[in-house]
Amino acid sequence: MSSKSLKRKSGQFVLPGERLGVIEEFVSNAGTYVKDGVIYSKVVGRALPDTLNKRVSVYPLVRGAKVPKIGSKVLGQVTKVQKQNAFVRIFRIGEHQLSGYFSGILHISDVHLRYVDSMFNVCKPGDIIRAKVISDKNGTFHLFTKDRELGVVYAFCMQCGYILEQKRQRMHCSRCGEIEKRKTALDYGKCVIA
């Protein structure tokens, strides 16, 4: 998108993911992110190109709308687990319940202070996890659970779906007897979800 077409877009309503320009012509500013050299809107708002300083930003229309920021503690449900990554649907930021959700990714290197050989020993699909946002690069929220108060706060048996009880370093299902591994938060089983 050229500076001329971005100028026409000035003050125009934009949605998250809408293309605003390229990094060869503009610097990404508040309310935007860059992916593959293209600047996109991160929020619902009005496009505000500053052609003099070669910056583009988006002024959010919805004030007080919660979006995870770097350093935010979030609560989410694990949707998919691979050997190196877990994908999380974020539904709460701090104490604020969201009406929708954001997507996050937890990489194996950001899970535990000790070596972990597989994400399957950290969490499973369906688990509720507390994490900290460490990056929002390319519109994806990268998560971290190395602190003691971060990790799985509720885990469910992969055999029968019953909630697991923590016994030392293992998770135990009182219904079917299944024993599983998780990286749990210090307050496992005590976190208030709703």
N, C-alpha and C. Protein backbone atom coordinates (compact mmCIF):
# COMPACT_ATOMS: atom_id res chain seq x y z
N MET A 1 0.86 -1.17 0.00
CA MET A 1 0.00 0.00 0.00
C MET A 1 0.90 1.23 0.00
N SER A 2 0.67 2.13 -0.92
CA SER A 2 1.51 3.33 -1.03
C SER A 2 1.07 4.37 0.00
N SER A 3 1.93 5.39 0.19
CA SER A 3 1.58 6.44 1.14
C SER A 3 0.35 7.20 0.68
N LYS A 4 0.15 7.28 -0.65
CA LYS A 4 -1.02 7.96 -1.18
C LYS A 4 -2.31 7.22 -0.79
N SER A 5 -2.30 5.89 -0.94
CA SER A 5 -3.50 5.11 -0.60
C SER A 5 -3.70 5.05 0.91
N LEU A 6 -2.61 5.08 1.69
CA LEU A 6 -2.74 5.10 3.14
C LEU A 6 -3.29 6.44 3.60
N LYS A 7 -2.92 7.52 2.90
CA LYS A 7 -3.45 8.84 3.22
C LYS A 7 -4.97 8.85 3.04
N ARG A 8 -5.46 8.19 1.98
CA ARG A 8 -6.90 8.08 1.75
C ARG A 8 -7.56 7.28 2.87
N LYS A 9 -6.80 6.37 3.49
CA LYS A 9 -7.32 5.53 4.56
C LYS A 9 -7.32 6.24 5.91
N SER A 10 -6.76 7.45 5.97
CA SER A 10 -6.65 8.20 7.22
C SER A 10 -8.03 8.40 7.86
N GLY A 11 -8.13 7.98 9.11
CA GLY A 11 -9.39 8.09 9.84
C GLY A 11 -10.39 7.02 9.51
N GLN A 12 -10.07 6.17 8.54
CA GLN A 12 -10.99 5.11 8.12
C GLN A 12 -11.05 3.99 9.16
N PHE A 13 -12.22 3.41 9.31
CA PHE A 13 -12.46 2.29 10.21
C PHE A 13 -11.69 1.07 9.71
N VAL A 14 -10.90 0.44 10.61
CA VAL A 14 -10.15 -0.77 10.25
C VAL A 14 -10.38 -1.86 11.28
N LEU A 15 -10.21 -3.09 10.85
CA LEU A 15 -10.38 -4.26 11.70
C LEU A 15 -9.04 -4.92 11.96
N PRO A 16 -8.93 -5.75 13.01
CA PRO A 16 -7.68 -6.48 13.24
C PRO A 16 -7.32 -7.32 12.01
N GLY A 17 -6.05 -7.27 11.64
CA GLY A 17 -5.58 -8.03 10.49
C GLY A 17 -5.68 -7.29 9.17
N GLU A 18 -6.23 -6.08 9.18
CA GLU A 18 -6.36 -5.31 7.95
C GLU A 18 -5.01 -4.68 7.59
N ARG A 19 -4.64 -4.81 6.32
CA ARG A 19 -3.35 -4.31 5.81
C ARG A 19 -3.35 -2.78 5.81
N LEU A 20 -2.25 -2.19 6.35
CA LEU A 20 -2.14 -0.74 6.43
C LEU A 20 -0.99 -0.16 5.62
N GLY A 21 0.04 -0.93 5.36
CA GLY A 21 1.19 -0.43 4.64
C GLY A 21 2.33 -1.43 4.69
N VAL A 22 3.50 -0.99 4.24
CA VAL A 22 4.69 -1.85 4.25
C VAL A 22 5.82 -1.15 5.01
N ILE A 23 6.74 -1.95 5.54
CA ILE A 23 7.81 -1.38 6.38
C ILE A 23 8.82 -0.57 5.57
N GLU A 24 8.81 -0.71 4.25
CA GLU A 24 9.70 0.11 3.43
C GLU A 24 9.24 1.57 3.42
N GLU A 25 7.96 1.82 3.68
CA GLU A 25 7.43 3.18 3.65
C GLU A 25 7.06 3.74 5.02
N PHE A 26 6.69 2.86 5.96
CA PHE A 26 6.21 3.31 7.27
C PHE A 26 6.80 2.49 8.40
N VAL A 27 6.77 3.06 9.59
CA VAL A 27 7.15 2.36 10.82
C VAL A 27 5.86 1.98 11.53
N SER A 28 5.80 0.75 11.99
CA SER A 28 4.65 0.27 12.74
C SER A 28 4.60 0.97 14.09
N ASN A 29 3.42 1.50 14.46
CA ASN A 29 3.27 2.22 15.71
C ASN A 29 2.14 1.59 16.52
N ALA A 30 1.60 2.28 17.50
CA ALA A 30 0.56 1.76 18.40
C ALA A 30 -0.62 1.18 17.62
N GLY A 31 -1.10 0.03 18.08
CA GLY A 31 -2.28 -0.59 17.48
C GLY A 31 -2.01 -1.34 16.20
N THR A 32 -0.72 -1.57 15.88
CA THR A 32 -0.36 -2.28 14.65
C THR A 32 0.66 -3.37 14.94
N TYR A 33 0.86 -4.25 13.98
CA TYR A 33 1.93 -5.24 14.06
C TYR A 33 2.45 -5.51 12.65
N VAL A 34 3.63 -6.11 12.56
CA VAL A 34 4.27 -6.39 11.28
C VAL A 34 4.39 -7.89 11.08
N LYS A 35 4.04 -8.34 9.87
CA LYS A 35 4.22 -9.73 9.50
C LYS A 35 4.67 -9.77 8.05
N ASP A 36 5.82 -10.41 7.81
CA ASP A 36 6.39 -10.52 6.46
C ASP A 36 6.54 -9.16 5.78
N GLY A 37 6.92 -8.14 6.53
CA GLY A 37 7.17 -6.82 5.96
C GLY A 37 5.93 -5.97 5.74
N VAL A 38 4.77 -6.48 6.10
CA VAL A 38 3.52 -5.75 5.92
C VAL A 38 2.99 -5.33 7.29
N ILE A 39 2.49 -4.10 7.38
CA ILE A 39 1.94 -3.58 8.63
C ILE A 39 0.43 -3.81 8.64
N TYR A 40 -0.07 -4.40 9.73
CA TYR A 40 -1.49 -4.72 9.88
C TYR A 40 -2.05 -4.06 11.13
N SER A 41 -3.36 -3.87 11.14
CA SER A 41 -4.04 -3.37 12.33
C SER A 41 -4.13 -4.48 13.37
N LYS A 42 -3.88 -4.14 14.62
CA LYS A 42 -3.98 -5.10 15.72
C LYS A 42 -5.33 -5.00 16.43
N VAL A 43 -6.01 -3.85 16.27
CA VAL A 43 -7.26 -3.58 17.00
C VAL A 43 -8.33 -3.02 16.07
N VAL A 44 -9.56 -2.98 16.56
CA VAL A 44 -10.65 -2.30 15.86
C VAL A 44 -10.48 -0.82 16.14
N GLY A 45 -10.40 -0.01 15.08
CA GLY A 45 -10.19 1.42 15.32
C GLY A 45 -10.11 2.21 14.04
N ARG A 46 -9.48 3.38 14.14
CA ARG A 46 -9.32 4.29 13.01
C ARG A 46 -7.84 4.35 12.63
N ALA A 47 -7.55 4.19 11.33
CA ALA A 47 -6.17 4.25 10.84
C ALA A 47 -5.68 5.70 10.92
N LEU A 48 -4.47 5.88 11.47
CA LEU A 48 -3.89 7.22 11.61
C LEU A 48 -2.47 7.23 11.04
N PRO A 49 -2.35 7.43 9.72
CA PRO A 49 -1.00 7.52 9.15
C PRO A 49 -0.39 8.90 9.41
N ASP A 50 0.86 8.92 9.78
CA ASP A 50 1.60 10.16 9.98
C ASP A 50 2.64 10.20 8.86
N THR A 51 2.28 10.82 7.73
CA THR A 51 3.17 10.82 6.56
C THR A 51 4.43 11.65 6.78
N LEU A 52 4.37 12.63 7.66
CA LEU A 52 5.53 13.46 7.95
C LEU A 52 6.63 12.63 8.64
N ASN A 53 6.23 11.86 9.67
CA ASN A 53 7.19 11.04 10.42
C ASN A 53 7.26 9.60 9.93
N LYS A 54 6.49 9.30 8.87
CA LYS A 54 6.47 7.96 8.26
C LYS A 54 6.11 6.88 9.27
N ARG A 55 5.05 7.14 10.04
CA ARG A 55 4.54 6.17 11.03
C ARG A 55 3.08 5.91 10.74
N VAL A 56 2.61 4.71 11.09
CA VAL A 56 1.19 4.41 10.98
C VAL A 56 0.73 3.77 12.29
N SER A 57 -0.39 4.23 12.81
CA SER A 57 -0.94 3.67 14.04
C SER A 57 -2.45 3.53 13.87
N VAL A 58 -3.05 2.82 14.80
CA VAL A 58 -4.51 2.66 14.80
C VAL A 58 -5.01 3.11 16.16
N TYR A 59 -5.94 4.08 16.15
CA TYR A 59 -6.56 4.57 17.37
C TYR A 59 -7.72 3.64 17.70
N PRO A 60 -7.70 2.95 18.84
CA PRO A 60 -8.77 1.99 19.14
C PRO A 60 -10.11 2.68 19.36
N LEU A 61 -11.16 2.12 18.78
CA LEU A 61 -12.51 2.67 18.95
C LEU A 61 -13.15 2.22 20.25
N VAL A 62 -12.80 1.03 20.67
CA VAL A 62 -13.39 0.49 21.89
C VAL A 62 -12.42 0.73 23.03
N ARG A 63 -12.71 1.69 23.87
CA ARG A 63 -11.85 1.98 25.02
C ARG A 63 -12.07 0.94 26.10
N GLY A 64 -11.01 0.58 26.74
CA GLY A 64 -11.12 -0.38 27.82
C GLY A 64 -11.20 -1.82 27.34
N ALA A 65 -11.17 -2.03 26.03
CA ALA A 65 -11.17 -3.39 25.51
C ALA A 65 -9.85 -4.02 25.94
N LYS A 66 -9.92 -5.19 26.50
CA LYS A 66 -8.72 -5.84 27.01
C LYS A 66 -8.03 -6.65 25.92
N VAL A 67 -6.75 -6.38 25.76
CA VAL A 67 -5.90 -7.12 24.84
C VAL A 67 -4.66 -7.50 25.65
N PRO A 68 -4.19 -8.75 25.54
CA PRO A 68 -2.99 -9.11 26.28
C PRO A 68 -1.81 -8.23 25.89
N LYS A 69 -1.05 -7.83 26.89
CA LYS A 69 0.15 -7.02 26.67
C LYS A 69 1.34 -7.81 27.22
N ILE A 70 2.52 -7.44 26.80
CA ILE A 70 3.71 -8.10 27.32
C ILE A 70 3.75 -7.89 28.84
N GLY A 71 3.89 -8.97 29.57
CA GLY A 71 3.89 -8.93 31.03
C GLY A 71 2.55 -9.30 31.64
N SER A 72 1.48 -9.32 30.84
CA SER A 72 0.15 -9.69 31.35
C SER A 72 0.13 -11.15 31.75
N LYS A 73 -0.57 -11.43 32.85
CA LYS A 73 -0.83 -12.82 33.22
C LYS A 73 -2.19 -13.18 32.64
N VAL A 74 -2.24 -14.32 31.97
CA VAL A 74 -3.46 -14.73 31.29
C VAL A 74 -3.86 -16.14 31.71
N LEU A 75 -5.13 -16.43 31.52
CA LEU A 75 -5.67 -17.76 31.78
C LEU A 75 -6.25 -18.25 30.47
N GLY A 76 -5.99 -19.50 30.14
CA GLY A 76 -6.49 -20.03 28.88
C GLY A 76 -6.64 -21.53 28.92
N GLN A 77 -7.25 -22.06 27.87
CA GLN A 77 -7.44 -23.50 27.76
C GLN A 77 -6.54 -24.02 26.65
N VAL A 78 -5.82 -25.08 26.93
CA VAL A 78 -4.95 -25.69 25.94
C VAL A 78 -5.83 -26.35 24.88
N THR A 79 -5.59 -25.99 23.61
CA THR A 79 -6.41 -26.55 22.53
C THR A 79 -5.70 -27.64 21.76
N LYS A 80 -4.35 -27.56 21.69
CA LYS A 80 -3.58 -28.52 20.91
C LYS A 80 -2.19 -28.61 21.49
N VAL A 81 -1.62 -29.82 21.52
CA VAL A 81 -0.27 -30.01 22.03
C VAL A 81 0.54 -30.76 20.99
N GLN A 82 1.74 -30.24 20.72
CA GLN A 82 2.72 -30.91 19.87
C GLN A 82 3.97 -31.11 20.71
N LYS A 83 4.95 -31.82 20.19
CA LYS A 83 6.16 -32.12 20.96
C LYS A 83 6.86 -30.85 21.47
N GLN A 84 6.90 -29.78 20.66
CA GLN A 84 7.62 -28.56 21.01
C GLN A 84 6.73 -27.40 21.45
N ASN A 85 5.42 -27.44 21.14
CA ASN A 85 4.52 -26.31 21.38
C ASN A 85 3.17 -26.75 21.93
N ALA A 86 2.53 -25.82 22.62
CA ALA A 86 1.13 -26.00 23.01
C ALA A 86 0.40 -24.74 22.57
N PHE A 87 -0.81 -24.91 22.06
CA PHE A 87 -1.62 -23.78 21.61
C PHE A 87 -2.71 -23.53 22.65
N VAL A 88 -2.89 -22.26 23.00
CA VAL A 88 -3.76 -21.89 24.11
C VAL A 88 -4.80 -20.88 23.64
N ARG A 89 -6.04 -21.09 24.03
CA ARG A 89 -7.12 -20.13 23.78
C ARG A 89 -7.25 -19.29 25.04
N ILE A 90 -6.79 -18.04 24.98
CA ILE A 90 -6.78 -17.13 26.14
C ILE A 90 -8.18 -16.56 26.35
N PHE A 91 -8.73 -16.77 27.56
CA PHE A 91 -10.08 -16.26 27.83
C PHE A 91 -10.13 -15.27 28.99
N ARG A 92 -8.98 -15.05 29.65
CA ARG A 92 -8.96 -14.09 30.74
C ARG A 92 -7.59 -13.41 30.79
N ILE A 93 -7.61 -12.10 31.02
CA ILE A 93 -6.39 -11.32 31.20
C ILE A 93 -6.43 -10.76 32.61
N GLY A 94 -5.50 -11.18 33.45
CA GLY A 94 -5.53 -10.77 34.86
C GLY A 94 -6.83 -11.21 35.48
N GLU A 95 -7.61 -10.27 35.98
CA GLU A 95 -8.91 -10.58 36.59
C GLU A 95 -10.07 -10.32 35.64
N HIS A 96 -9.77 -9.94 34.40
CA HIS A 96 -10.81 -9.55 33.44
C HIS A 96 -11.16 -10.69 32.50
N GLN A 97 -12.40 -11.18 32.61
CA GLN A 97 -12.92 -12.20 31.72
C GLN A 97 -13.18 -11.56 30.35
N LEU A 98 -12.82 -12.23 29.28
CA LEU A 98 -13.02 -11.70 27.94
C LEU A 98 -14.33 -12.21 27.36
N SER A 99 -14.94 -11.43 26.47
CA SER A 99 -16.16 -11.90 25.81
C SER A 99 -15.80 -12.82 24.65
N GLY A 100 -14.61 -12.67 24.12
CA GLY A 100 -14.11 -13.55 23.06
C GLY A 100 -12.86 -14.23 23.57
N TYR A 101 -11.93 -14.47 22.68
CA TYR A 101 -10.66 -15.06 23.11
C TYR A 101 -9.54 -14.64 22.17
N PHE A 102 -8.30 -14.82 22.64
CA PHE A 102 -7.10 -14.61 21.85
C PHE A 102 -6.35 -15.93 21.79
N SER A 103 -5.52 -16.07 20.78
CA SER A 103 -4.72 -17.29 20.64
C SER A 103 -3.30 -17.05 21.14
N GLY A 104 -2.78 -18.03 21.86
CA GLY A 104 -1.42 -17.95 22.36
C GLY A 104 -0.68 -19.23 22.05
N ILE A 105 0.64 -19.14 22.11
CA ILE A 105 1.48 -20.31 21.88
C ILE A 105 2.52 -20.39 22.99
N LEU A 106 2.72 -21.59 23.50
CA LEU A 106 3.70 -21.84 24.56
C LEU A 106 4.75 -22.78 23.99
N HIS A 107 6.00 -22.32 23.92
CA HIS A 107 7.09 -23.13 23.38
C HIS A 107 7.78 -23.87 24.52
N ILE A 108 8.31 -25.02 24.23
CA ILE A 108 8.94 -25.89 25.23
C ILE A 108 10.07 -25.18 25.99
N SER A 109 10.76 -24.24 25.35
CA SER A 109 11.87 -23.54 26.02
C SER A 109 11.39 -22.53 27.05
N ASP A 110 10.09 -22.20 27.04
CA ASP A 110 9.54 -21.21 27.97
C ASP A 110 8.65 -21.82 29.05
N VAL A 111 8.80 -23.13 29.29
CA VAL A 111 7.90 -23.85 30.18
C VAL A 111 8.42 -23.99 31.60
N HIS A 112 9.64 -24.43 31.75
CA HIS A 112 10.14 -24.85 33.06
C HIS A 112 11.60 -24.44 33.20
N LEU A 113 12.06 -24.23 34.43
CA LEU A 113 13.48 -23.93 34.66
C LEU A 113 14.35 -25.14 34.37
N ARG A 114 13.78 -26.33 34.58
CA ARG A 114 14.51 -27.57 34.28
C ARG A 114 14.25 -27.99 32.84
N TYR A 115 15.08 -28.89 32.34
CA TYR A 115 14.92 -29.40 30.98
C TYR A 115 13.62 -30.20 30.86
N VAL A 116 12.89 -29.96 29.79
CA VAL A 116 11.66 -30.69 29.49
C VAL A 116 11.83 -31.25 28.08
N ASP A 117 11.62 -32.57 27.92
CA ASP A 117 11.86 -33.17 26.61
C ASP A 117 10.63 -33.20 25.70
N SER A 118 9.44 -32.98 26.26
CA SER A 118 8.23 -33.01 25.44
C SER A 118 7.12 -32.21 26.10
N MET A 119 6.38 -31.46 25.29
CA MET A 119 5.23 -30.69 25.81
C MET A 119 4.14 -31.62 26.33
N PHE A 120 4.14 -32.87 25.92
CA PHE A 120 3.13 -33.83 26.40
C PHE A 120 3.29 -34.10 27.90
N ASN A 121 4.47 -33.77 28.48
CA ASN A 121 4.70 -33.91 29.92
C ASN A 121 4.36 -32.62 30.68
N VAL A 122 3.95 -31.58 29.94
CA VAL A 122 3.67 -30.27 30.53
C VAL A 122 2.17 -30.01 30.63
N CYS A 123 1.44 -30.27 29.54
CA CYS A 123 0.00 -30.01 29.49
C CYS A 123 -0.65 -30.89 28.43
N LYS A 124 -1.96 -30.96 28.50
CA LYS A 124 -2.74 -31.75 27.54
C LYS A 124 -3.92 -30.90 27.08
N PRO A 125 -4.49 -31.22 25.90
CA PRO A 125 -5.67 -30.49 25.44
C PRO A 125 -6.78 -30.52 26.49
N GLY A 126 -7.40 -29.38 26.71
CA GLY A 126 -8.48 -29.27 27.71
C GLY A 126 -8.02 -28.67 29.02
N ASP A 127 -6.71 -28.77 29.34
CA ASP A 127 -6.19 -28.22 30.59
C ASP A 127 -6.37 -26.70 30.62
N ILE A 128 -6.57 -26.17 31.83
CA ILE A 128 -6.62 -24.73 32.04
C ILE A 128 -5.24 -24.32 32.55
N ILE A 129 -4.67 -23.29 31.92
CA ILE A 129 -3.29 -22.91 32.20
C ILE A 129 -3.18 -21.41 32.48
N ARG A 130 -2.30 -21.06 33.43
CA ARG A 130 -1.99 -19.65 33.70
C ARG A 130 -0.59 -19.40 33.15
N ALA A 131 -0.44 -18.33 32.38
CA ALA A 131 0.85 -18.02 31.76
C ALA A 131 1.07 -16.52 31.73
N LYS A 132 2.28 -16.13 31.38
CA LYS A 132 2.62 -14.72 31.22
C LYS A 132 2.94 -14.48 29.75
N VAL A 133 2.47 -13.35 29.22
CA VAL A 133 2.75 -12.98 27.83
C VAL A 133 4.16 -12.40 27.77
N ILE A 134 5.02 -12.98 26.91
CA ILE A 134 6.40 -12.48 26.79
C ILE A 134 6.65 -11.81 25.44
N SER A 135 5.73 -11.99 24.49
CA SER A 135 5.88 -11.36 23.18
C SER A 135 4.53 -11.37 22.47
N ASP A 136 4.35 -10.38 21.60
CA ASP A 136 3.15 -10.36 20.76
C ASP A 136 3.57 -10.20 19.30
N LYS A 137 4.73 -10.75 18.98
CA LYS A 137 5.30 -10.65 17.64
C LYS A 137 4.36 -11.26 16.61
N ASN A 138 4.17 -10.53 15.52
CA ASN A 138 3.33 -10.98 14.40
C ASN A 138 1.89 -11.28 14.81
N GLY A 139 1.41 -10.60 15.83
CA GLY A 139 0.01 -10.77 16.24
C GLY A 139 -0.26 -12.06 16.99
N THR A 140 0.80 -12.80 17.37
CA THR A 140 0.64 -14.04 18.13
C THR A 140 1.17 -13.79 19.54
N PHE A 141 0.42 -14.22 20.54
CA PHE A 141 0.85 -14.03 21.93
C PHE A 141 1.68 -15.24 22.36
N HIS A 142 2.98 -14.97 22.60
CA HIS A 142 3.90 -16.01 23.04
C HIS A 142 3.89 -16.03 24.56
N LEU A 143 3.75 -17.25 25.12
CA LEU A 143 3.54 -17.40 26.55
C LEU A 143 4.74 -18.03 27.25
N PHE A 144 4.74 -17.91 28.59
CA PHE A 144 5.85 -18.32 29.45
C PHE A 144 5.26 -18.87 30.74
N THR A 145 5.77 -20.02 31.22
CA THR A 145 5.26 -20.58 32.49
C THR A 145 6.39 -21.00 33.43
N LYS A 146 7.55 -20.40 33.32
CA LYS A 146 8.69 -20.82 34.15
C LYS A 146 8.54 -20.45 35.62
N ASP A 147 7.75 -19.44 35.97
CA ASP A 147 7.57 -19.06 37.37
C ASP A 147 6.71 -20.09 38.11
N ARG A 148 6.86 -20.17 39.42
CA ARG A 148 6.15 -21.18 40.23
C ARG A 148 4.64 -20.97 40.24
N GLU A 149 4.18 -19.70 40.13
CA GLU A 149 2.73 -19.47 40.16
C GLU A 149 2.08 -19.66 38.78
N LEU A 150 2.91 -20.00 37.78
CA LEU A 150 2.40 -20.22 36.42
C LEU A 150 2.42 -21.70 36.08
N GLY A 151 1.52 -22.09 35.19
CA GLY A 151 1.43 -23.48 34.75
C GLY A 151 -0.01 -23.93 34.75
N VAL A 152 -0.22 -25.22 34.72
CA VAL A 152 -1.56 -25.80 34.69
C VAL A 152 -2.24 -25.55 36.04
N VAL A 153 -3.47 -25.00 36.02
CA VAL A 153 -4.22 -24.78 37.26
C VAL A 153 -5.35 -25.81 37.41
N TYR A 154 -5.78 -26.40 36.30
CA TYR A 154 -6.74 -27.51 36.31
C TYR A 154 -6.39 -28.45 35.18
N ALA A 155 -6.26 -29.74 35.49
CA ALA A 155 -5.94 -30.75 34.48
C ALA A 155 -7.02 -31.82 34.48
N PHE A 156 -7.24 -32.38 33.31
CA PHE A 156 -8.29 -33.39 33.16
C PHE A 156 -7.70 -34.68 32.61
N CYS A 157 -8.17 -35.79 33.15
CA CYS A 157 -7.68 -37.12 32.79
C CYS A 157 -7.89 -37.37 31.29
N MET A 158 -6.85 -37.83 30.62
CA MET A 158 -6.96 -38.12 29.19
C MET A 158 -7.73 -39.41 28.95
N GLN A 159 -7.89 -40.22 29.99
CA GLN A 159 -8.61 -41.49 29.87
C GLN A 159 -10.12 -41.31 30.03
N CYS A 160 -10.54 -40.61 31.10
CA CYS A 160 -11.98 -40.52 31.40
C CYS A 160 -12.51 -39.08 31.50
N GLY A 161 -11.62 -38.07 31.47
CA GLY A 161 -12.05 -36.68 31.50
C GLY A 161 -12.27 -36.10 32.89
N TYR A 162 -12.07 -36.89 33.94
CA TYR A 162 -12.27 -36.44 35.31
C TYR A 162 -11.11 -35.52 35.72
N ILE A 163 -11.38 -34.59 36.64
CA ILE A 163 -10.33 -33.67 37.08
C ILE A 163 -9.26 -34.43 37.86
N LEU A 164 -8.00 -34.08 37.58
CA LEU A 164 -6.88 -34.79 38.21
C LEU A 164 -6.50 -34.14 39.55
N GLU A 165 -6.06 -34.98 40.47
CA GLU A 165 -5.56 -34.52 41.76
C GLU A 165 -4.05 -34.56 41.73
N GLN A 166 -3.42 -33.58 42.36
CA GLN A 166 -1.97 -33.53 42.39
C GLN A 166 -1.45 -34.32 43.57
N LYS A 167 -0.54 -35.26 43.28
CA LYS A 167 0.12 -36.04 44.32
C LYS A 167 1.61 -36.03 44.03
N ARG A 168 2.33 -35.23 44.81
CA ARG A 168 3.76 -34.99 44.61
C ARG A 168 4.00 -34.45 43.20
N GLN A 169 4.81 -35.11 42.41
CA GLN A 169 5.15 -34.63 41.07
C GLN A 169 4.23 -35.22 39.98
N ARG A 170 3.25 -36.01 40.36
CA ARG A 170 2.37 -36.67 39.39
C ARG A 170 0.93 -36.23 39.58
N MET A 171 0.14 -36.43 38.55
CA MET A 171 -1.29 -36.14 38.59
C MET A 171 -2.02 -37.48 38.61
N HIS A 172 -3.01 -37.61 39.49
CA HIS A 172 -3.70 -38.87 39.69
C HIS A 172 -5.20 -38.70 39.47
N CYS A 173 -5.81 -39.63 38.75
CA CYS A 173 -7.26 -39.61 38.55
C CYS A 173 -7.90 -40.55 39.57
N SER A 174 -8.75 -40.01 40.43
CA SER A 174 -9.39 -40.83 41.46
C SER A 174 -10.50 -41.70 40.88
N ARG A 175 -10.96 -41.40 39.67
CA ARG A 175 -12.02 -42.19 39.05
C ARG A 175 -11.48 -43.45 38.36
N CYS A 176 -10.46 -43.31 37.50
CA CYS A 176 -9.98 -44.47 36.74
C CYS A 176 -8.57 -44.92 37.11
N GLY A 177 -7.87 -44.15 37.97
CA GLY A 177 -6.55 -44.54 38.42
C GLY A 177 -5.41 -44.11 37.51
N GLU A 178 -5.70 -43.42 36.42
CA GLU A 178 -4.68 -42.95 35.48
C GLU A 178 -3.69 -42.03 36.19
N ILE A 179 -2.41 -42.14 35.83
CA ILE A 179 -1.37 -41.27 36.38
C ILE A 179 -0.74 -40.53 35.20
N GLU A 180 -0.65 -39.20 35.29
CA GLU A 180 -0.14 -38.38 34.20
C GLU A 180 0.83 -37.34 34.74
N LYS A 181 1.56 -36.68 33.83
CA LYS A 181 2.50 -35.61 34.20
C LYS A 181 1.95 -34.27 33.73
N ARG A 182 2.24 -33.23 34.50
CA ARG A 182 1.91 -31.86 34.14
C ARG A 182 2.92 -30.93 34.79
N LYS A 183 3.04 -29.70 34.26
CA LYS A 183 3.80 -28.63 34.92
C LYS A 183 2.73 -27.76 35.56
N THR A 184 2.53 -27.92 36.85
CA THR A 184 1.42 -27.25 37.54
C THR A 184 1.86 -25.93 38.19
N ALA A 185 0.87 -25.07 38.38
CA ALA A 185 1.07 -23.83 39.12
C ALA A 185 1.06 -24.14 40.60
N LEU A 186 1.62 -23.27 41.40
CA LEU A 186 1.70 -23.45 42.84
C LEU A 186 0.31 -23.63 43.48
N ASP A 187 -0.70 -22.95 42.92
CA ASP A 187 -2.06 -23.03 43.48
C ASP A 187 -2.97 -23.96 42.68
N TYR A 188 -2.41 -25.06 42.15
CA TYR A 188 -3.19 -26.00 41.35
C TYR A 188 -4.48 -26.39 42.08
N GLY A 189 -5.60 -26.35 41.37
CA GLY A 189 -6.89 -26.76 41.92
C GLY A 189 -7.58 -25.70 42.76
N LYS A 190 -6.93 -24.56 42.99
CA LYS A 190 -7.53 -23.52 43.85
C LYS A 190 -7.89 -22.26 43.09
N CYS A 191 -7.55 -22.18 41.82
CA CYS A 191 -7.79 -20.99 41.01
C CYS A 191 -9.28 -20.86 40.70
N VAL A 192 -9.83 -19.65 40.85
CA VAL A 192 -11.24 -19.40 40.52
C VAL A 192 -11.30 -19.02 39.04
N ILE A 193 -12.05 -19.79 38.26
CA ILE A 193 -12.12 -19.58 36.81
C ILE A 193 -13.15 -18.52 36.44
N ALA A 194 -14.36 -18.61 36.96
CA ALA A 194 -15.43 -17.69 36.55
C ALA A 194 -15.45 -16.44 37.36
